[in-house]
Protein backbone atom coordinates (compact mmCIF):
# COMPACT_ATOMS: atom_id res chain seq x y z
CA UNK A 1 0.00 0.00 0.00
CA UNK A 2 2.75 2.53 0.83
CA UNK A 3 4.21 2.03 -2.65
CA UNK A 4 0.87 2.93 -4.29
CA UNK A 5 0.66 6.11 -2.21
CA UNK A 6 4.15 7.09 -3.34
CA UNK A 7 3.30 6.47 -6.99
CA UNK A 8 0.11 8.55 -6.68
CA UNK A 9 2.09 11.39 -5.12
CA UNK A 10 4.67 11.22 -7.92
CA UNK A 11 1.93 11.36 -10.57
CA UNK A 12 0.23 14.33 -8.92
CA UNK A 13 3.60 16.09 -8.62
CA UNK A 14 4.45 15.40 -12.25
CA UNK A 15 1.06 16.79 -13.37
CA UNK A 16 1.60 19.93 -11.30
CA UNK A 17 5.09 20.34 -12.75
CA UNK A 18 3.79 19.95 -16.31
CA UNK A 19 1.08 22.56 -15.68
CA UNK A 20 3.70 24.94 -14.30
CA UNK A 21 6.10 24.30 -17.19
CA UNK A 22 3.41 24.57 -19.89
CA UNK A 23 2.54 28.25 -19.22
CA UNK A 24 6.17 29.33 -18.86
CA UNK A 25 7.50 28.10 -22.29
CA UNK A 26 4.76 29.75 -24.40
CA UNK A 27 5.61 33.12 -22.86
CA UNK A 28 9.30 32.67 -23.71
CA UNK A 29 8.62 31.34 -27.23
CA UNK A 30 6.84 34.48 -28.57
CA UNK A 31 9.59 36.71 -27.22
CA UNK A 32 12.34 34.57 -28.76
CA UNK A 33 10.51 34.29 -32.09
CA UNK A 34 10.04 38.06 -32.29
CA UNK A 35 13.72 38.68 -31.55
CA UNK A 36 14.96 35.96 -33.94
CA UNK A 37 12.49 36.64 -36.79
CA UNK A 38 13.43 40.31 -37.45
CA UNK A 39 17.12 39.51 -38.02
CA UNK A 40 16.85 36.39 -40.28
CA UNK A 41 13.76 37.58 -42.21
CA UNK A 42 15.35 40.59 -43.99
CA UNK A 43 18.16 38.66 -45.75
CA UNK A 44 16.31 35.44 -46.77
CA UNK A 45 13.02 36.92 -48.06
CA UNK A 46 14.29 37.77 -51.56
CA UNK A 47 16.54 34.71 -52.19
CA UNK A 48 14.14 32.27 -50.53
CA UNK A 49 11.17 33.56 -52.56
CA UNK A 50 13.10 33.21 -55.85
CA UNK A 51 14.37 29.72 -54.99
CA UNK A 52 11.05 28.47 -53.60
CA UNK A 53 8.96 29.72 -56.55
CA UNK A 54 10.80 27.72 -59.28
CA UNK A 55 11.25 24.68 -57.05
CA UNK A 56 7.56 24.66 -56.14
CA UNK A 57 6.54 24.79 -59.82
CA UNK A 58 8.97 22.01 -60.75
CA UNK A 59 7.81 19.88 -57.82
CA UNK A 60 4.18 20.28 -58.81
CA UNK A 61 4.92 19.27 -62.42
CA UNK A 62 6.90 16.23 -61.31
CA UNK A 63 4.13 15.22 -58.92
CA UNK A 64 1.53 15.46 -61.66
CA UNK A 65 3.66 13.35 -64.00
CA UNK A 66 4.17 10.71 -61.32
CA UNK A 67 0.42 10.55 -60.69
CA UNK A 68 -0.41 10.19 -64.38
CA UNK A 69 2.34 7.63 -64.95
CA UNK A 70 1.27 5.62 -61.91
CA UNK A 71 -2.39 5.75 -62.95
PDB file of N, CA and C in Angstrom:
ATOM      1  N   UNK A   1       0.821  -1.219   0.000  1.00  0.00           N
ATOM      2  CA  UNK A   1       0.000   0.000   0.000  1.00  0.00           C
ATOM      3  C   UNK A   1       0.854   1.268   0.000  1.00  0.00           C
ATOM      4  N   UNK A   2       1.903   1.321   0.803  1.00  0.00           N
ATOM      5  CA  UNK A   2       2.755   2.535   0.831  1.00  0.00           C
ATOM      6  C   UNK A   2       3.315   2.837  -0.555  1.00  0.00           C
ATOM      7  N   UNK A   3       3.656   1.800  -1.308  1.00  0.00           N
ATOM      8  CA  UNK A   3       4.208   2.026  -2.652  1.00  0.00           C
ATOM      9  C   UNK A   3       3.169   2.735  -3.528  1.00  0.00           C
ATOM     10  N   UNK A   4       1.923   2.297  -3.468  1.00  0.00           N
ATOM     11  CA  UNK A   4       0.874   2.931  -4.290  1.00  0.00           C
ATOM     12  C   UNK A   4       0.753   4.410  -3.927  1.00  0.00           C
ATOM     13  N   UNK A   5       0.766   4.704  -2.636  1.00  0.00           N
ATOM     14  CA  UNK A   5       0.657   6.111  -2.208  1.00  0.00           C
ATOM     15  C   UNK A   5       1.802   6.914  -2.830  1.00  0.00           C
ATOM     16  N   UNK A   6       2.996   6.354  -2.798  1.00  0.00           N
ATOM     17  CA  UNK A   6       4.150   7.089  -3.343  1.00  0.00           C
ATOM     18  C   UNK A   6       3.949   7.335  -4.846  1.00  0.00           C
ATOM     19  N   UNK A   7       3.486   6.314  -5.540  1.00  0.00           N
ATOM     20  CA  UNK A   7       3.295   6.469  -6.987  1.00  0.00           C
ATOM     21  C   UNK A   7       2.239   7.543  -7.250  1.00  0.00           C
ATOM     22  N   UNK A   8       1.160   7.527  -6.492  1.00  0.00           N
ATOM     23  CA  UNK A   8       0.109   8.549  -6.679  1.00  0.00           C
ATOM     24  C   UNK A   8       0.694   9.937  -6.444  1.00  0.00           C
ATOM     25  N   UNK A   9       1.495  10.077  -5.418  1.00  0.00           N
ATOM     26  CA  UNK A   9       2.090  11.389  -5.120  1.00  0.00           C
ATOM     27  C   UNK A   9       2.977  11.814  -6.300  1.00  0.00           C
ATOM     28  N   UNK A  10       3.766  10.889  -6.806  1.00  0.00           N
ATOM     29  CA  UNK A  10       4.667  11.224  -7.922  1.00  0.00           C
ATOM     30  C   UNK A  10       3.837  11.695  -9.129  1.00  0.00           C
ATOM     31  N   UNK A  11       2.757  10.976  -9.415  1.00  0.00           N
ATOM     32  CA  UNK A  11       1.932  11.358 -10.575  1.00  0.00           C
ATOM     33  C   UNK A  11       1.365  12.759 -10.377  1.00  0.00           C
ATOM     34  N   UNK A  12       0.811  12.998  -9.180  1.00  0.00           N
ATOM     35  CA  UNK A  12       0.226  14.329  -8.925  1.00  0.00           C
ATOM     36  C   UNK A  12       1.319  15.387  -9.049  1.00  0.00           C
ATOM     37  N   UNK A  13       2.503  15.106  -8.542  1.00  0.00           N
ATOM     38  CA  UNK A  13       3.597  16.090  -8.616  1.00  0.00           C
ATOM     39  C   UNK A  13       3.982  16.325 -10.083  1.00  0.00           C
ATOM     40  N   UNK A  14       4.061  15.258 -10.841  1.00  0.00           N
ATOM     41  CA  UNK A  14       4.449  15.404 -12.254  1.00  0.00           C
ATOM     42  C   UNK A  14       3.402  16.246 -12.992  1.00  0.00           C
ATOM     43  N   UNK A  15       2.119  15.999 -12.713  1.00  0.00           N
ATOM     44  CA  UNK A  15       1.064  16.793 -13.370  1.00  0.00           C
ATOM     45  C   UNK A  15       1.223  18.263 -13.007  1.00  0.00           C
ATOM     46  N   UNK A  16       1.441  18.536 -11.733  1.00  0.00           N
ATOM     47  CA  UNK A  16       1.601  19.934 -11.302  1.00  0.00           C
ATOM     48  C   UNK A  16       2.805  20.545 -12.018  1.00  0.00           C
ATOM     49  N   UNK A  17       3.885  19.803 -12.095  1.00  0.00           N
ATOM     50  CA  UNK A  17       5.088  20.338 -12.753  1.00  0.00           C
ATOM     51  C   UNK A  17       4.787  20.634 -14.227  1.00  0.00           C
ATOM     52  N   UNK A  18       4.109  19.733 -14.892  1.00  0.00           N
ATOM     53  CA  UNK A  18       3.790  19.950 -16.313  1.00  0.00           C
ATOM     54  C   UNK A  18       2.943  21.215 -16.460  1.00  0.00           C
ATOM     55  N   UNK A  19       1.947  21.365 -15.585  1.00  0.00           N
ATOM     56  CA  UNK A  19       1.081  22.557 -15.676  1.00  0.00           C
ATOM     57  C   UNK A  19       1.930  23.813 -15.490  1.00  0.00           C
ATOM     58  N   UNK A  20       2.862  23.755 -14.554  1.00  0.00           N
ATOM     59  CA  UNK A  20       3.697  24.936 -14.301  1.00  0.00           C
ATOM     60  C   UNK A  20       4.628  25.181 -15.497  1.00  0.00           C
ATOM     61  N   UNK A  21       5.152  24.131 -16.067  1.00  0.00           N
ATOM     62  CA  UNK A  21       6.097  24.297 -17.191  1.00  0.00           C
ATOM     63  C   UNK A  21       5.353  24.740 -18.462  1.00  0.00           C
ATOM     64  N   UNK A  22       4.164  24.237 -18.658  1.00  0.00           N
ATOM     65  CA  UNK A  22       3.413  24.566 -19.886  1.00  0.00           C
ATOM     66  C   UNK A  22       3.255  26.079 -20.050  1.00  0.00           C
ATOM     67  N   UNK A  23       2.748  26.799 -19.060  1.00  0.00           N
ATOM     68  CA  UNK A  23       2.537  28.253 -19.220  1.00  0.00           C
ATOM     69  C   UNK A  23       3.840  29.017 -19.391  1.00  0.00           C
ATOM     70  N   UNK A  24       4.916  28.565 -18.796  1.00  0.00           N
ATOM     71  CA  UNK A  24       6.174  29.328 -18.865  1.00  0.00           C
ATOM     72  C   UNK A  24       6.772  29.279 -20.289  1.00  0.00           C
ATOM     73  N   UNK A  25       6.891  28.142 -20.950  1.00  0.00           N
ATOM     74  CA  UNK A  25       7.502  28.097 -22.291  1.00  0.00           C
ATOM     75  C   UNK A  25       6.779  28.975 -23.303  1.00  0.00           C
ATOM     76  N   UNK A  26       5.459  28.924 -23.399  1.00  0.00           N
ATOM     77  CA  UNK A  26       4.758  29.747 -24.396  1.00  0.00           C
ATOM     78  C   UNK A  26       5.114  31.220 -24.273  1.00  0.00           C
ATOM     79  N   UNK A  27       5.262  31.696 -23.049  1.00  0.00           N
ATOM     80  CA  UNK A  27       5.608  33.116 -22.864  1.00  0.00           C
ATOM     81  C   UNK A  27       7.007  33.381 -23.428  1.00  0.00           C
ATOM     82  N   UNK A  28       7.922  32.449 -23.234  1.00  0.00           N
ATOM     83  CA  UNK A  28       9.304  32.667 -23.709  1.00  0.00           C
ATOM     84  C   UNK A  28       9.352  32.502 -25.245  1.00  0.00           C
ATOM     85  N   UNK A  29       8.580  31.584 -25.779  1.00  0.00           N
ATOM     86  CA  UNK A  29       8.619  31.336 -27.231  1.00  0.00           C
ATOM     87  C   UNK A  29       8.293  32.605 -28.038  1.00  0.00           C
ATOM     88  N   UNK A  30       7.180  33.277 -27.775  1.00  0.00           N
ATOM     89  CA  UNK A  30       6.839  34.476 -28.568  1.00  0.00           C
ATOM     90  C   UNK A  30       7.949  35.511 -28.515  1.00  0.00           C
ATOM     91  N   UNK A  31       8.519  35.706 -27.340  1.00  0.00           N
ATOM     92  CA  UNK A  31       9.589  36.708 -27.221  1.00  0.00           C
ATOM     93  C   UNK A  31      10.786  36.286 -28.089  1.00  0.00           C
ATOM     94  N   UNK A  32      11.172  35.037 -27.995  1.00  0.00           N
ATOM     95  CA  UNK A  32      12.338  34.573 -28.759  1.00  0.00           C
ATOM     96  C   UNK A  32      12.047  34.669 -30.261  1.00  0.00           C
ATOM     97  N   UNK A  33      10.862  34.252 -30.662  1.00  0.00           N
ATOM     98  CA  UNK A  33      10.510  34.288 -32.093  1.00  0.00           C
ATOM     99  C   UNK A  33      10.589  35.718 -32.609  1.00  0.00           C
ATOM    100  N   UNK A  34      10.026  36.651 -31.844  1.00  0.00           N
ATOM    101  CA  UNK A  34      10.036  38.056 -32.293  1.00  0.00           C
ATOM    102  C   UNK A  34      11.477  38.549 -32.438  1.00  0.00           C
ATOM    103  N   UNK A  35      12.332  38.187 -31.495  1.00  0.00           N
ATOM    104  CA  UNK A  35      13.716  38.676 -31.547  1.00  0.00           C
ATOM    105  C   UNK A  35      14.462  37.989 -32.703  1.00  0.00           C
ATOM    106  N   UNK A  36      14.210  36.695 -32.910  1.00  0.00           N
ATOM    107  CA  UNK A  36      14.960  35.962 -33.936  1.00  0.00           C
ATOM    108  C   UNK A  36      14.396  36.254 -35.341  1.00  0.00           C
ATOM    109  N   UNK A  37      13.080  36.431 -35.457  1.00  0.00           N
ATOM    110  CA  UNK A  37      12.491  36.644 -36.792  1.00  0.00           C
ATOM    111  C   UNK A  37      13.026  37.913 -37.463  1.00  0.00           C
ATOM    112  N   UNK A  38      13.016  39.058 -36.789  1.00  0.00           N
ATOM    113  CA  UNK A  38      13.429  40.310 -37.451  1.00  0.00           C
ATOM    114  C   UNK A  38      14.800  40.196 -38.109  1.00  0.00           C
ATOM    115  N   UNK A  39      15.760  39.561 -37.456  1.00  0.00           N
ATOM    116  CA  UNK A  39      17.117  39.508 -38.024  1.00  0.00           C
ATOM    117  C   UNK A  39      17.179  38.568 -39.244  1.00  0.00           C
ATOM    118  N   UNK A  40      16.708  37.317 -39.145  1.00  0.00           N
ATOM    119  CA  UNK A  40      16.846  36.393 -40.283  1.00  0.00           C
ATOM    120  C   UNK A  40      15.894  36.728 -41.429  1.00  0.00           C
ATOM    121  N   UNK A  41      14.741  37.314 -41.136  1.00  0.00           N
ATOM    122  CA  UNK A  41      13.760  37.582 -42.205  1.00  0.00           C
ATOM    123  C   UNK A  41      14.325  38.516 -43.286  1.00  0.00           C
ATOM    124  N   UNK A  42      14.893  39.652 -42.945  1.00  0.00           N
ATOM    125  CA  UNK A  42      15.348  40.595 -43.987  1.00  0.00           C
ATOM    126  C   UNK A  42      16.219  39.945 -45.058  1.00  0.00           C
ATOM    127  N   UNK A  43      17.281  39.227 -44.721  1.00  0.00           N
ATOM    128  CA  UNK A  43      18.161  38.655 -45.753  1.00  0.00           C
ATOM    129  C   UNK A  43      17.490  37.567 -46.593  1.00  0.00           C
ATOM    130  N   UNK A  44      16.840  36.559 -45.985  1.00  0.00           N
ATOM    131  CA  UNK A  44      16.315  35.439 -46.768  1.00  0.00           C
ATOM    132  C   UNK A  44      15.093  35.737 -47.614  1.00  0.00           C
ATOM    133  N   UNK A  45      14.284  36.750 -47.329  1.00  0.00           N
ATOM    134  CA  UNK A  45      13.016  36.916 -48.064  1.00  0.00           C
ATOM    135  C   UNK A  45      13.196  36.915 -49.579  1.00  0.00           C
ATOM    136  N   UNK A  46      14.136  37.691 -50.100  1.00  0.00           N
ATOM    137  CA  UNK A  46      14.293  37.768 -51.560  1.00  0.00           C
ATOM    138  C   UNK A  46      14.844  36.453 -52.123  1.00  0.00           C
ATOM    139  N   UNK A  47      15.972  35.945 -51.623  1.00  0.00           N
ATOM    140  CA  UNK A  47      16.538  34.707 -52.193  1.00  0.00           C
ATOM    141  C   UNK A  47      15.604  33.528 -51.991  1.00  0.00           C
ATOM    142  N   UNK A  48      15.031  33.403 -50.805  1.00  0.00           N
ATOM    143  CA  UNK A  48      14.138  32.267 -50.533  1.00  0.00           C
ATOM    144  C   UNK A  48      12.948  32.295 -51.487  1.00  0.00           C
ATOM    145  N   UNK A  49      12.347  33.458 -51.673  1.00  0.00           N
ATOM    146  CA  UNK A  49      11.172  33.558 -52.556  1.00  0.00           C
ATOM    147  C   UNK A  49      11.568  33.104 -53.966  1.00  0.00           C
ATOM    148  N   UNK A  50      12.688  33.584 -54.485  1.00  0.00           N
ATOM    149  CA  UNK A  50      13.101  33.213 -55.847  1.00  0.00           C
ATOM    150  C   UNK A  50      13.359  31.703 -55.940  1.00  0.00           C
ATOM    151  N   UNK A  51      14.037  31.147 -54.937  1.00  0.00           N
ATOM    152  CA  UNK A  51      14.366  29.720 -54.993  1.00  0.00           C
ATOM    153  C   UNK A  51      13.112  28.877 -54.786  1.00  0.00           C
ATOM    154  N   UNK A  52      12.230  29.295 -53.888  1.00  0.00           N
ATOM    155  CA  UNK A  52      11.047  28.472 -53.601  1.00  0.00           C
ATOM    156  C   UNK A  52      10.069  28.499 -54.783  1.00  0.00           C
ATOM    157  N   UNK A  53       9.937  29.627 -55.450  1.00  0.00           N
ATOM    158  CA  UNK A  53       8.957  29.715 -56.555  1.00  0.00           C
ATOM    159  C   UNK A  53       9.286  28.689 -57.644  1.00  0.00           C
ATOM    160  N   UNK A  54      10.489  28.697 -58.213  1.00  0.00           N
ATOM    161  CA  UNK A  54      10.802  27.724 -59.275  1.00  0.00           C
ATOM    162  C   UNK A  54      10.723  26.294 -58.766  1.00  0.00           C
ATOM    163  N   UNK A  55      11.267  26.053 -57.580  1.00  0.00           N
ATOM    164  CA  UNK A  55      11.250  24.682 -57.046  1.00  0.00           C
ATOM    165  C   UNK A  55       9.810  24.202 -56.893  1.00  0.00           C
ATOM    166  N   UNK A  56       8.954  25.059 -56.356  1.00  0.00           N
ATOM    167  CA  UNK A  56       7.557  24.665 -56.135  1.00  0.00           C
ATOM    168  C   UNK A  56       6.927  24.280 -57.475  1.00  0.00           C
ATOM    169  N   UNK A  57       7.131  25.089 -58.507  1.00  0.00           N
ATOM    170  CA  UNK A  57       6.544  24.791 -59.821  1.00  0.00           C
ATOM    171  C   UNK A  57       7.082  23.451 -60.335  1.00  0.00           C
ATOM    172  N   UNK A  58       8.384  23.268 -60.256  1.00  0.00           N
ATOM    173  CA  UNK A  58       8.970  22.013 -60.752  1.00  0.00           C
ATOM    174  C   UNK A  58       8.402  20.827 -59.971  1.00  0.00           C
ATOM    175  N   UNK A  59       8.324  20.982 -58.634  1.00  0.00           N
ATOM    176  CA  UNK A  59       7.813  19.876 -57.821  1.00  0.00           C
ATOM    177  C   UNK A  59       6.383  19.529 -58.235  1.00  0.00           C
ATOM    178  N   UNK A  60       5.570  20.538 -58.421  1.00  0.00           N
ATOM    179  CA  UNK A  60       4.176  20.279 -58.808  1.00  0.00           C
ATOM    180  C   UNK A  60       4.142  19.511 -60.129  1.00  0.00           C
ATOM    181  N   UNK A  61       4.922  19.947 -61.121  1.00  0.00           N
ATOM    182  CA  UNK A  61       4.921  19.269 -62.423  1.00  0.00           C
ATOM    183  C   UNK A  61       5.342  17.805 -62.246  1.00  0.00           C
ATOM    184  N   UNK A  62       6.421  17.602 -61.503  1.00  0.00           N
ATOM    185  CA  UNK A  62       6.895  16.229 -61.306  1.00  0.00           C
ATOM    186  C   UNK A  62       5.809  15.393 -60.634  1.00  0.00           C
ATOM    187  N   UNK A  63       5.167  15.979 -59.628  1.00  0.00           N
ATOM    188  CA  UNK A  63       4.130  15.220 -58.915  1.00  0.00           C
ATOM    189  C   UNK A  63       3.007  14.826 -59.877  1.00  0.00           C
ATOM    190  N   UNK A  64       2.610  15.762 -60.712  1.00  0.00           N
ATOM    191  CA  UNK A  64       1.527  15.455 -61.657  1.00  0.00           C
ATOM    192  C   UNK A  64       1.960  14.318 -62.584  1.00  0.00           C
ATOM    193  N   UNK A  65       3.177  14.389 -63.086  1.00  0.00           N
ATOM    194  CA  UNK A  65       3.664  13.352 -64.004  1.00  0.00           C
ATOM    195  C   UNK A  65       3.650  11.999 -63.298  1.00  0.00           C
ATOM    196  N   UNK A  66       4.119  11.984 -62.063  1.00  0.00           N
ATOM    197  CA  UNK A  66       4.166  10.713 -61.323  1.00  0.00           C
ATOM    198  C   UNK A  66       2.760  10.151 -61.168  1.00  0.00           C
ATOM    199  N   UNK A  67       1.805  11.025 -60.869  1.00  0.00           N
ATOM    200  CA  UNK A  67       0.424  10.547 -60.688  1.00  0.00           C
ATOM    201  C   UNK A  67      -0.102   9.962 -62.003  1.00  0.00           C
ATOM    202  N   UNK A  68       0.117  10.676 -63.096  1.00  0.00           N
ATOM    203  CA  UNK A  68      -0.410  10.194 -64.379  1.00  0.00           C
ATOM    204  C   UNK A  68       0.286   8.874 -64.754  1.00  0.00           C
ATOM    205  N   UNK A  69       1.602   8.832 -64.577  1.00  0.00           N
ATOM    206  CA  UNK A  69       2.342   7.626 -64.950  1.00  0.00           C
ATOM    207  C   UNK A  69       1.857   6.457 -64.090  1.00  0.00           C
ATOM    208  N   UNK A  70       1.710   6.694 -62.805  1.00  0.00           N
ATOM    209  CA  UNK A  70       1.274   5.618 -61.910  1.00  0.00           C
ATOM    210  C   UNK A  70      -0.131   5.159 -62.295  1.00  0.00           C
ATOM    211  N   UNK A  71      -1.002   6.118 -62.595  1.00  0.00           N
ATOM    212  CA  UNK A  71      -2.389   5.753 -62.955  1.00  0.00           C
ATOM    213  C   UNK A  71      -2.415   5.006 -64.256  1.00  0.00           C
TER     214      UNK A  71
END
